[in-house]
PDB file of N, CA and C in Angstrom:
ATOM      1  N   MET A   1       4.462  16.167   0.783  1.00  0.00           N
ATOM      2  CA  MET A   1       3.033  16.061   0.647  1.00  0.00           C
ATOM      3  C   MET A   1       2.604  15.393  -0.743  1.00  0.00           C
ATOM      4  N   PHE A   2       3.606  15.656  -1.777  1.00  0.00           N
ATOM      5  CA  PHE A   2       3.181  15.154  -3.017  1.00  0.00           C
ATOM      6  C   PHE A   2       3.150  13.796  -3.109  1.00  0.00           C
ATOM      7  N   VAL A   3       4.175  13.101  -2.436  1.00  0.00           N
ATOM      8  CA  VAL A   3       4.403  11.721  -2.408  1.00  0.00           C
ATOM      9  C   VAL A   3       3.173  10.923  -1.924  1.00  0.00           C
ATOM     10  N   LEU A   4       2.351  11.696  -1.082  1.00  0.00           N
ATOM     11  CA  LEU A   4       1.063  11.099  -0.495  1.00  0.00           C
ATOM     12  C   LEU A   4      -0.060  10.507  -1.599  1.00  0.00           C
ATOM     13  N   ILE A   5       0.017  11.504  -2.719  1.00  0.00           N
ATOM     14  CA  ILE A   5      -0.923  11.329  -3.777  1.00  0.00           C
ATOM     15  C   ILE A   5      -1.042   9.908  -4.393  1.00  0.00           C
ATOM     16  N   PRO A   6       0.070   9.211  -4.568  1.00  0.00           N
ATOM     17  CA  PRO A   6       0.012   7.764  -5.233  1.00  0.00           C
ATOM     18  C   PRO A   6      -0.442   6.727  -4.101  1.00  0.00           C
ATOM     19  N   GLY A   7       0.011   7.140  -2.842  1.00  0.00           N
ATOM     20  CA  GLY A   7      -0.400   6.169  -1.743  1.00  0.00           C
ATOM     21  C   GLY A   7      -2.041   6.147  -1.552  1.00  0.00           C
ATOM     22  N   LEU A   8      -2.473   7.412  -1.752  1.00  0.00           N
ATOM     23  CA  LEU A   8      -3.792   7.719  -1.493  1.00  0.00           C
ATOM     24  C   LEU A   8      -4.736   7.016  -2.554  1.00  0.00           C
ATOM     25  N   ALA A   9      -4.087   7.133  -3.728  1.00  0.00           N
ATOM     26  CA  ALA A   9      -4.754   6.763  -4.947  1.00  0.00           C
ATOM     27  C   ALA A   9      -4.802   5.078  -4.832  1.00  0.00           C
ATOM     28  N   ALA A  10      -3.777   4.528  -4.532  1.00  0.00           N
ATOM     29  CA  ALA A  10      -3.628   2.987  -4.320  1.00  0.00           C
ATOM     30  C   ALA A  10      -4.705   2.499  -3.201  1.00  0.00           C
ATOM     31  N   TRP A  11      -4.518   3.321  -2.094  1.00  0.00           N
ATOM     32  CA  TRP A  11      -5.661   3.001  -1.000  1.00  0.00           C
ATOM     33  C   TRP A  11      -6.877   3.105  -1.458  1.00  0.00           C
ATOM     34  N   LEU A  12      -7.340   4.009  -2.329  1.00  0.00           N
ATOM     35  CA  LEU A  12      -8.751   4.284  -2.788  1.00  0.00           C
ATOM     36  C   LEU A  12      -8.983   3.155  -3.839  1.00  0.00           C
ATOM     37  N   ALA A  13      -8.106   2.751  -4.740  1.00  0.00           N
ATOM     38  CA  ALA A  13      -8.349   1.695  -5.640  1.00  0.00           C
ATOM     39  C   ALA A  13      -8.590   0.290  -4.745  1.00  0.00           C
ATOM     40  N   SER A  14      -7.679   0.144  -3.751  1.00  0.00           N
ATOM     41  CA  SER A  14      -7.996  -1.070  -2.980  1.00  0.00           C
ATOM     42  C   SER A  14      -9.311  -1.162  -2.352  1.00  0.00           C
ATOM     43  N   GLN A  15      -9.671   0.124  -1.650  1.00  0.00           N
ATOM     44  CA  GLN A  15     -11.057  -0.032  -1.137  1.00  0.00           C
ATOM     45  C   GLN A  15     -12.133  -0.191  -2.121  1.00  0.00           C
ATOM     46  N   LEU A  16     -12.072   0.448  -3.314  1.00  0.00           N
ATOM     47  CA  LEU A  16     -13.019   0.313  -4.359  1.00  0.00           C
ATOM     48  C   LEU A  16     -13.294  -1.141  -4.632  1.00  0.00           C
ATOM     49  N   PHE A  17     -12.018  -1.860  -4.798  1.00  0.00           N
ATOM     50  CA  PHE A  17     -11.911  -3.272  -5.273  1.00  0.00           C
ATOM     51  C   PHE A  17     -12.710  -4.148  -4.303  1.00  0.00           C
ATOM     52  N   LYS A  18     -12.504  -3.863  -2.998  1.00  0.00           N
ATOM     53  CA  LYS A  18     -13.080  -4.514  -1.965  1.00  0.00           C
ATOM     54  C   LYS A  18     -14.623  -4.187  -1.976  1.00  0.00           C
ATOM     55  N   LEU A  19     -15.100  -3.028  -2.183  1.00  0.00           N
ATOM     56  CA  LEU A  19     -16.515  -2.798  -2.447  1.00  0.00           C
ATOM     57  C   LEU A  19     -16.950  -3.534  -3.517  1.00  0.00           C
ATOM     58  N   ALA A  20     -16.351  -3.579  -4.619  1.00  0.00           N
ATOM     59  CA  ALA A  20     -16.905  -4.366  -5.781  1.00  0.00           C
ATOM     60  C   ALA A  20     -16.933  -5.806  -5.472  1.00  0.00           C
ATOM     61  N   ASN A  21     -16.274  -6.217  -4.594  1.00  0.00           N
ATOM     62  CA  ASN A  21     -16.278  -7.734  -4.149  1.00  0.00           C
ATOM     63  C   ASN A  21     -17.280  -7.978  -3.050  1.00  0.00           C
ATOM     64  N   GLY A  22     -18.020  -7.133  -2.716  1.00  0.00           N
ATOM     65  CA  GLY A  22     -18.981  -7.268  -1.603  1.00  0.00           C
ATOM     66  C   GLY A  22     -18.509  -7.041  -0.192  1.00  0.00           C
ATOM     67  N   GLN A  23     -17.445  -6.449  -0.027  1.00  0.00           N
ATOM     68  CA  GLN A  23     -16.950  -6.165   1.299  1.00  0.00           C
ATOM     69  C   GLN A  23     -17.531  -4.708   1.550  1.00  0.00           C
ATOM     70  N   LYS A  24     -17.508  -4.392   2.704  1.00  0.00           N
ATOM     71  CA  LYS A  24     -17.842  -3.087   3.193  1.00  0.00           C
ATOM     72  C   LYS A  24     -16.702  -2.002   2.907  1.00  0.00           C
ATOM     73  N   PHE A  25     -17.022  -0.864   2.540  1.00  0.00           N
ATOM     74  CA  PHE A  25     -16.110   0.133   2.388  1.00  0.00           C
ATOM     75  C   PHE A  25     -15.479   0.533   3.675  1.00  0.00           C
ATOM     76  N   LEU A  26     -14.134   0.557   3.685  1.00  0.00           N
ATOM     77  CA  LEU A  26     -13.131   0.859   4.928  1.00  0.00           C
ATOM     78  C   LEU A  26     -13.235  -0.332   5.998  1.00  0.00           C
ATOM     79  N   ASP A  27     -13.653  -1.600   5.320  1.00  0.00           N
ATOM     80  CA  ASP A  27     -13.528  -2.773   6.257  1.00  0.00           C
ATOM     81  C   ASP A  27     -12.144  -3.220   6.194  1.00  0.00           C
ATOM     82  N   SER A  28     -11.686  -3.615   7.468  1.00  0.00           N
ATOM     83  CA  SER A  28     -10.314  -4.024   7.730  1.00  0.00           C
ATOM     84  C   SER A  28     -10.192  -5.464   7.109  1.00  0.00           C
ATOM     85  N   GLY A  29      -9.221  -5.934   6.545  1.00  0.00           N
ATOM     86  CA  GLY A  29      -8.798  -7.277   6.107  1.00  0.00           C
ATOM     87  C   GLY A  29      -9.258  -7.281   4.666  1.00  0.00           C
ATOM     88  N   GLY A  30      -9.176  -8.417   4.081  1.00  0.00           N
ATOM     89  CA  GLY A  30      -9.724  -8.574   2.837  1.00  0.00           C
ATOM     90  C   GLY A  30      -8.705  -8.289   1.667  1.00  0.00           C
ATOM     91  N   PHE A  31      -9.146  -8.636   0.353  1.00  0.00           N
ATOM     92  CA  PHE A  31      -8.241  -8.445  -0.872  1.00  0.00           C
ATOM     93  C   PHE A  31      -8.552  -7.445  -1.474  1.00  0.00           C
ATOM     94  N   PRO A  32      -7.626  -6.394  -1.887  1.00  0.00           N
ATOM     95  CA  PRO A  32      -6.264  -6.623  -1.435  1.00  0.00           C
ATOM     96  C   PRO A  32      -6.021  -5.703  -0.251  1.00  0.00           C
ATOM     97  N   SER A  33      -4.953  -5.822   0.291  1.00  0.00           N
ATOM     98  CA  SER A  33      -4.488  -5.083   1.457  1.00  0.00           C
ATOM     99  C   SER A  33      -4.222  -3.527   1.141  1.00  0.00           C
ATOM    100  N   SER A  34      -5.147  -2.788   1.732  1.00  0.00           N
ATOM    101  CA  SER A  34      -5.098  -1.224   1.566  1.00  0.00           C
ATOM    102  C   SER A  34      -3.897  -0.763   2.271  1.00  0.00           C
ATOM    103  N   HIS A  35      -3.683  -1.353   3.471  1.00  0.00           N
ATOM    104  CA  HIS A  35      -2.249  -0.791   4.126  1.00  0.00           C
ATOM    105  C   HIS A  35      -1.057  -0.999   3.285  1.00  0.00           C
ATOM    106  N   SER A  36      -0.909  -2.110   2.721  1.00  0.00           N
ATOM    107  CA  SER A  36       0.428  -2.335   1.907  1.00  0.00           C
ATOM    108  C   SER A  36       0.212  -1.682   0.667  1.00  0.00           C
ATOM    109  N   ALA A  37      -0.962  -1.347   0.118  1.00  0.00           N
ATOM    110  CA  ALA A  37      -1.195  -0.561  -0.996  1.00  0.00           C
ATOM    111  C   ALA A  37      -0.722   0.977  -0.778  1.00  0.00           C
ATOM    112  N   PHE A  38      -1.231   1.567   0.298  1.00  0.00           N
ATOM    113  CA  PHE A  38      -0.766   2.971   0.580  1.00  0.00           C
ATOM    114  C   PHE A  38       0.501   3.108   0.894  1.00  0.00           C
ATOM    115  N   LEU A  39       1.059   2.218   1.547  1.00  0.00           N
ATOM    116  CA  LEU A  39       2.604   2.323   2.046  1.00  0.00           C
ATOM    117  C   LEU A  39       3.552   2.048   0.722  1.00  0.00           C
ATOM    118  N   ALA A  40       3.246   1.061   0.115  1.00  0.00           N
ATOM    119  CA  ALA A  40       3.947   0.880  -1.245  1.00  0.00           C
ATOM    120  C   ALA A  40       3.835   2.104  -2.242  1.00  0.00           C
ATOM    121  N   GLY A  41       2.752   2.763  -2.216  1.00  0.00           N
ATOM    122  CA  GLY A  41       2.514   3.795  -3.071  1.00  0.00           C
ATOM    123  C   GLY A  41       3.468   5.109  -2.491  1.00  0.00           C
ATOM    124  N   VAL A  42       3.367   5.212  -1.324  1.00  0.00           N
ATOM    125  CA  VAL A  42       4.226   6.334  -0.673  1.00  0.00           C
ATOM    126  C   VAL A  42       5.791   6.010  -0.954  1.00  0.00           C
ATOM    127  N   SER A  43       6.196   4.795  -0.601  1.00  0.00           N
ATOM    128  CA  SER A  43       7.559   4.227  -0.579  1.00  0.00           C
ATOM    129  C   SER A  43       8.165   4.450  -1.997  1.00  0.00           C
ATOM    130  N   SER A  44       7.252   3.992  -2.988  1.00  0.00           N
ATOM    131  CA  SER A  44       7.744   4.076  -4.460  1.00  0.00           C
ATOM    132  C   SER A  44       7.730   5.442  -5.037  1.00  0.00           C
ATOM    133  N   ALA A  45       6.835   6.271  -4.368  1.00  0.00           N
ATOM    134  CA  ALA A  45       6.878   7.696  -4.984  1.00  0.00           C
ATOM    135  C   ALA A  45       8.046   8.535  -4.356  1.00  0.00           C
ATOM    136  N   VAL A  46       8.389   8.144  -3.164  1.00  0.00           N
ATOM    137  CA  VAL A  46       9.554   8.718  -2.496  1.00  0.00           C
ATOM    138  C   VAL A  46      10.807   8.455  -3.265  1.00  0.00           C
ATOM    139  N   TYR A  47      10.720   7.073  -3.675  1.00  0.00           N
ATOM    140  CA  TYR A  47      12.034   6.664  -4.368  1.00  0.00           C
ATOM    141  C   TYR A  47      12.028   7.375  -5.873  1.00  0.00           C
ATOM    142  N   MET A  48      10.940   7.522  -6.618  1.00  0.00           N
ATOM    143  CA  MET A  48      10.847   7.937  -7.823  1.00  0.00           C
ATOM    144  C   MET A  48      11.148   9.461  -7.658  1.00  0.00           C
ATOM    145  N   THR A  49      10.918  10.143  -6.755  1.00  0.00           N
ATOM    146  CA  THR A  49      11.195  11.705  -6.529  1.00  0.00           C
ATOM    147  C   THR A  49      12.386  12.004  -6.002  1.00  0.00           C
ATOM    148  N   GLU A  50      12.871  11.319  -4.963  1.00  0.00           N
ATOM    149  CA  GLU A  50      14.120  11.619  -4.110  1.00  0.00           C
ATOM    150  C   GLU A  50      15.116  10.695  -4.315  1.00  0.00           C
ATOM    151  N   GLY A  51      14.956   9.400  -4.840  1.00  0.00           N
ATOM    152  CA  GLY A  51      15.912   8.406  -4.965  1.00  0.00           C
ATOM    153  C   GLY A  51      16.179   7.561  -3.667  1.00  0.00           C
ATOM    154  N   ALA A  52      17.358   6.809  -3.613  1.00  0.00           N
ATOM    155  CA  ALA A  52      17.393   6.091  -2.410  1.00  0.00           C
ATOM    156  C   ALA A  52      17.914   6.787  -1.319  1.00  0.00           C
ATOM    157  N   THR A  53      17.093   7.817  -0.724  1.00  0.00           N
ATOM    158  CA  THR A  53      17.710   8.711   0.479  1.00  0.00           C
ATOM    159  C   THR A  53      17.452   8.037   1.532  1.00  0.00           C
ATOM    160  N   SER A  54      17.665   8.666   2.799  1.00  0.00           N
ATOM    161  CA  SER A  54      17.322   7.909   4.063  1.00  0.00           C
ATOM    162  C   SER A  54      15.723   8.068   4.307  1.00  0.00           C
ATOM    163  N   LEU A  55      15.034   9.051   3.676  1.00  0.00           N
ATOM    164  CA  LEU A  55      13.615   9.196   3.792  1.00  0.00           C
ATOM    165  C   LEU A  55      12.990   7.903   3.125  1.00  0.00           C
ATOM    166  N   PHE A  56      13.530   7.483   2.060  1.00  0.00           N
ATOM    167  CA  PHE A  56      13.033   6.413   1.351  1.00  0.00           C
ATOM    168  C   PHE A  56      13.329   5.133   2.216  1.00  0.00           C
ATOM    169  N   TRP A  57      14.447   5.017   2.804  1.00  0.00           N
ATOM    170  CA  TRP A  57      14.597   3.690   3.494  1.00  0.00           C
ATOM    171  C   TRP A  57      13.870   3.678   4.775  1.00  0.00           C
ATOM    172  N   VAL A  58      13.540   4.796   5.366  1.00  0.00           N
ATOM    173  CA  VAL A  58      12.747   4.861   6.501  1.00  0.00           C
ATOM    174  C   VAL A  58      11.287   4.449   5.929  1.00  0.00           C
ATOM    175  N   SER A  59      10.856   4.995   4.922  1.00  0.00           N
ATOM    176  CA  SER A  59       9.348   4.515   4.443  1.00  0.00           C
ATOM    177  C   SER A  59       9.434   3.035   4.227  1.00  0.00           C
ATOM    178  N   VAL A  60      10.560   2.454   3.742  1.00  0.00           N
ATOM    179  CA  VAL A  60      10.543   0.951   3.393  1.00  0.00           C
ATOM    180  C   VAL A  60      10.498   0.251   4.674  1.00  0.00           C
ATOM    181  N   ALA A  61      11.162   0.832   5.682  1.00  0.00           N
ATOM    182  CA  ALA A  61      11.118  -0.008   7.051  1.00  0.00           C
ATOM    183  C   ALA A  61       9.771   0.102   7.748  1.00  0.00           C
ATOM    184  N   VAL A  62       9.156   1.412   7.575  1.00  0.00           N
ATOM    185  CA  VAL A  62       7.705   1.343   7.976  1.00  0.00           C
ATOM    186  C   VAL A  62       6.793   0.482   7.341  1.00  0.00           C
ATOM    187  N   LEU A  63       6.999   0.244   5.958  1.00  0.00           N
ATOM    188  CA  LEU A  63       6.150  -0.598   5.258  1.00  0.00           C
ATOM    189  C   LEU A  63       6.393  -2.076   5.616  1.00  0.00           C
ATOM    190  N   LEU A  64       7.679  -2.405   5.904  1.00  0.00           N
ATOM    191  CA  LEU A  64       8.006  -3.797   6.313  1.00  0.00           C
ATOM    192  C   LEU A  64       7.482  -4.286   7.617  1.00  0.00           C
ATOM    193  N   VAL A  65       7.421  -3.175   8.552  1.00  0.00           N
ATOM    194  CA  VAL A  65       6.828  -3.276   9.787  1.00  0.00           C
ATOM    195  C   VAL A  65       5.349  -3.581   9.818  1.00  0.00           C
ATOM    196  N   VAL A  66       4.773  -2.754   8.983  1.00  0.00           N
ATOM    197  CA  VAL A  66       3.154  -2.807   8.869  1.00  0.00           C
ATOM    198  C   VAL A  66       2.957  -4.117   8.249  1.00  0.00           C
ATOM    199  N   VAL A  67       3.540  -4.453   7.107  1.00  0.00           N
ATOM    200  CA  VAL A  67       3.273  -5.802   6.462  1.00  0.00           C
ATOM    201  C   VAL A  67       3.465  -6.772   7.515  1.00  0.00           C
ATOM    202  N   HIS A  68       4.607  -7.031   8.259  1.00  0.00           N
ATOM    203  CA  HIS A  68       4.846  -7.933   9.182  1.00  0.00           C
ATOM    204  C   HIS A  68       3.592  -8.040  10.313  1.00  0.00           C
ATOM    205  N   ASP A  69       3.364  -6.854  10.641  1.00  0.00           N
ATOM    206  CA  ASP A  69       2.162  -6.622  11.713  1.00  0.00           C
ATOM    207  C   ASP A  69       0.869  -7.247  11.148  1.00  0.00           C
ATOM    208  N   ILE A  70       0.502  -6.914   9.954  1.00  0.00           N
ATOM    209  CA  ILE A  70      -0.724  -7.339   9.508  1.00  0.00           C
ATOM    210  C   ILE A  70      -0.932  -8.830   9.067  1.00  0.00           C
ATOM    211  N   LYS A  71       0.373  -9.471   8.718  1.00  0.00           N
ATOM    212  CA  LYS A  71       0.412 -10.787   8.442  1.00  0.00           C
ATOM    213  C   LYS A  71       0.596 -11.531   9.707  1.00  0.00           C
ATOM    214  N   ALA A  72       1.519 -11.317  10.532  1.00  0.00           N
ATOM    215  CA  ALA A  72       1.910 -12.069  11.662  1.00  0.00           C
ATOM    216  C   ALA A  72       1.012 -11.996  12.876  1.00  0.00           C
ATOM    217  N   PHE A  73       0.684 -10.735  13.206  1.00  0.00           N
ATOM    218  CA  PHE A  73       0.073 -10.387  14.425  1.00  0.00           C
ATOM    219  C   PHE A  73      -1.582 -10.649  14.348  1.00  0.00           C
ATOM    220  N   HIS A  74      -2.081  -9.983  13.190  1.00  0.00           N
ATOM    221  CA  HIS A  74      -3.547  -9.867  12.983  1.00  0.00           C
ATOM    222  C   HIS A  74      -3.958 -10.999  12.169  1.00  0.00           C
ATOM    223  N   GLY A  75      -3.261 -11.477  11.151  1.00  0.00           N
ATOM    224  CA  GLY A  75      -3.717 -12.572  10.415  1.00  0.00           C
ATOM    225  C   GLY A  75      -4.856 -12.182   9.472  1.00  0.00           C
ATOM    226  N   ARG A  76      -5.117 -10.984   9.219  1.00  0.00           N
ATOM    227  CA  ARG A  76      -6.294 -10.642   8.452  1.00  0.00           C
ATOM    228  C   ARG A  76      -6.006 -10.782   6.931  1.00  0.00           C
ATOM    229  N   HIS A  77      -4.683 -10.819   6.574  1.00  0.00           N
ATOM    230  CA  HIS A  77      -4.402 -10.915   5.106  1.00  0.00           C
ATOM    231  C   HIS A  77      -3.675 -12.064   4.856  1.00  0.00           C
ATOM    232  N   SER A  78      -3.802 -12.665   3.596  1.00  0.00           N
ATOM    233  CA  SER A  78      -2.928 -13.808   3.183  1.00  0.00           C
ATOM    234  C   SER A  78      -1.764 -12.996   2.441  1.00  0.00           C
ATOM    235  N   TRP A  79      -0.750 -13.717   1.877  1.00  0.00           N
ATOM    236  CA  TRP A  79       0.398 -13.098   1.088  1.00  0.00           C
ATOM    237  C   TRP A  79      -0.111 -12.614  -0.147  1.00  0.00           C
ATOM    238  N   LYS A  80      -1.119 -13.213  -0.673  1.00  0.00           N
ATOM    239  CA  LYS A  80      -1.734 -12.755  -1.957  1.00  0.00           C
ATOM    240  C   LYS A  80      -2.380 -11.342  -1.762  1.00  0.00           C
ATOM    241  N   ASP A  81      -2.984 -11.131  -0.670  1.00  0.00           N
ATOM    242  CA  ASP A  81      -3.692  -9.814  -0.454  1.00  0.00           C
ATOM    243  C   ASP A  81      -2.573  -8.714  -0.352  1.00  0.00           C
ATOM    244  N   ILE A  82      -1.440  -9.160   0.434  1.00  0.00           N
ATOM    245  CA  ILE A  82      -0.311  -8.275   0.558  1.00  0.00           C
ATOM    246  C   ILE A  82       0.459  -7.903  -0.642  1.00  0.00           C
ATOM    247  N   VAL A  83       0.678  -8.882  -1.663  1.00  0.00           N
ATOM    248  CA  VAL A  83       1.402  -8.661  -2.658  1.00  0.00           C
ATOM    249  C   VAL A  83       0.640  -7.826  -3.643  1.00  0.00           C
ATOM    250  N   VAL A  84      -0.618  -8.282  -3.809  1.00  0.00           N
ATOM    251  CA  VAL A  84      -1.434  -7.372  -4.794  1.00  0.00           C
ATOM    252  C   VAL A  84      -1.551  -5.995  -4.235  1.00  0.00           C
ATOM    253  N   GLY A  85      -1.649  -5.757  -2.879  1.00  0.00           N
ATOM    254  CA  GLY A  85      -1.721  -4.393  -2.400  1.00  0.00           C
ATOM    255  C   GLY A  85      -0.342  -3.695  -2.730  1.00  0.00           C
ATOM    256  N   LEU A  86       0.766  -4.357  -2.578  1.00  0.00           N
ATOM    257  CA  LEU A  86       2.035  -3.785  -3.006  1.00  0.00           C
ATOM    258  C   LEU A  86       2.062  -3.532  -4.378  1.00  0.00           C
ATOM    259  N   PHE A  87       1.732  -4.243  -5.239  1.00  0.00           N
ATOM    260  CA  PHE A  87       1.544  -4.036  -6.675  1.00  0.00           C
ATOM    261  C   PHE A  87       0.733  -2.886  -7.146  1.00  0.00           C
ATOM    262  N   LEU A  88      -0.325  -2.608  -6.441  1.00  0.00           N
ATOM    263  CA  LEU A  88      -1.260  -1.474  -6.522  1.00  0.00           C
ATOM    264  C   LEU A  88      -0.564  -0.174  -6.247  1.00  0.00           C
ATOM    265  N   GLY A  89       0.230  -0.241  -5.014  1.00  0.00           N
ATOM    266  CA  GLY A  89       1.000   0.988  -4.672  1.00  0.00           C
ATOM    267  C   GLY A  89       2.026   1.478  -5.637  1.00  0.00           C
ATOM    268  N   VAL A  90       2.709   0.395  -6.071  1.00  0.00           N
ATOM    269  CA  VAL A  90       3.937   0.600  -7.055  1.00  0.00           C
ATOM    270  C   VAL A  90       3.173   1.186  -8.364  1.00  0.00           C
ATOM    271  N   LEU A  91       2.097   0.533  -8.874  1.00  0.00           N
ATOM    272  CA  LEU A  91       1.492   0.908 -10.137  1.00  0.00           C
ATOM    273  C   LEU A  91       0.861   2.255  -9.920  1.00  0.00           C
ATOM    274  N   ALA A  92       0.393   2.772  -8.886  1.00  0.00           N
ATOM    275  CA  ALA A  92      -0.127   4.119  -8.829  1.00  0.00           C
ATOM    276  C   ALA A  92       0.898   4.976  -8.822  1.00  0.00           C
ATOM    277  N   SER A  93       1.986   4.708  -8.216  1.00  0.00           N
ATOM    278  CA  SER A  93       3.164   5.889  -8.348  1.00  0.00           C
ATOM    279  C   SER A  93       3.661   5.938  -9.849  1.00  0.00           C
ATOM    280  N   VAL A  94       3.907   4.774 -10.564  1.00  0.00           N
ATOM    281  CA  VAL A  94       4.274   4.776 -11.704  1.00  0.00           C
ATOM    282  C   VAL A  94       3.353   5.525 -12.712  1.00  0.00           C
ATOM    283  N   LEU A  95       2.069   5.262 -12.479  1.00  0.00           N
ATOM    284  CA  LEU A  95       1.010   6.014 -13.379  1.00  0.00           C
ATOM    285  C   LEU A  95       0.924   7.541 -13.037  1.00  0.00           C
ATOM    286  N   LEU A  96       1.072   7.939 -11.704  1.00  0.00           N
ATOM    287  CA  LEU A  96       0.739   9.173 -11.397  1.00  0.00           C
ATOM    288  C   LEU A  96       2.234  10.092 -11.364  1.00  0.00           C
ATOM    289  N   LEU A  97       3.234   9.514 -11.362  1.00  0.00           N
ATOM    290  CA  LEU A  97       4.393  10.361 -11.453  1.00  0.00           C
ATOM    291  C   LEU A  97       5.140  10.430 -12.589  1.00  0.00           C
TER     292      LEU A  97
END
């Protein structure tokens, strides 16, 4: 449960950034990707608390599937949106843990 906090903080930061740039709160798509921010926050928090365990690798696999899905199938995000979301997630973990 504790590893969700950085993910939620990164998701919230992403949504607030979208709101500040004129997008709707909870709107899908846009800069930065809140999906990648949340999952990067969770994955990096798992790594920082548990190490490179099987739980970490499962969270990385989920992250990669979601990133592939939002880029390849939905096309709502550019690579820049995704990379900045990933950065927000890792930053949230580093700052909060």
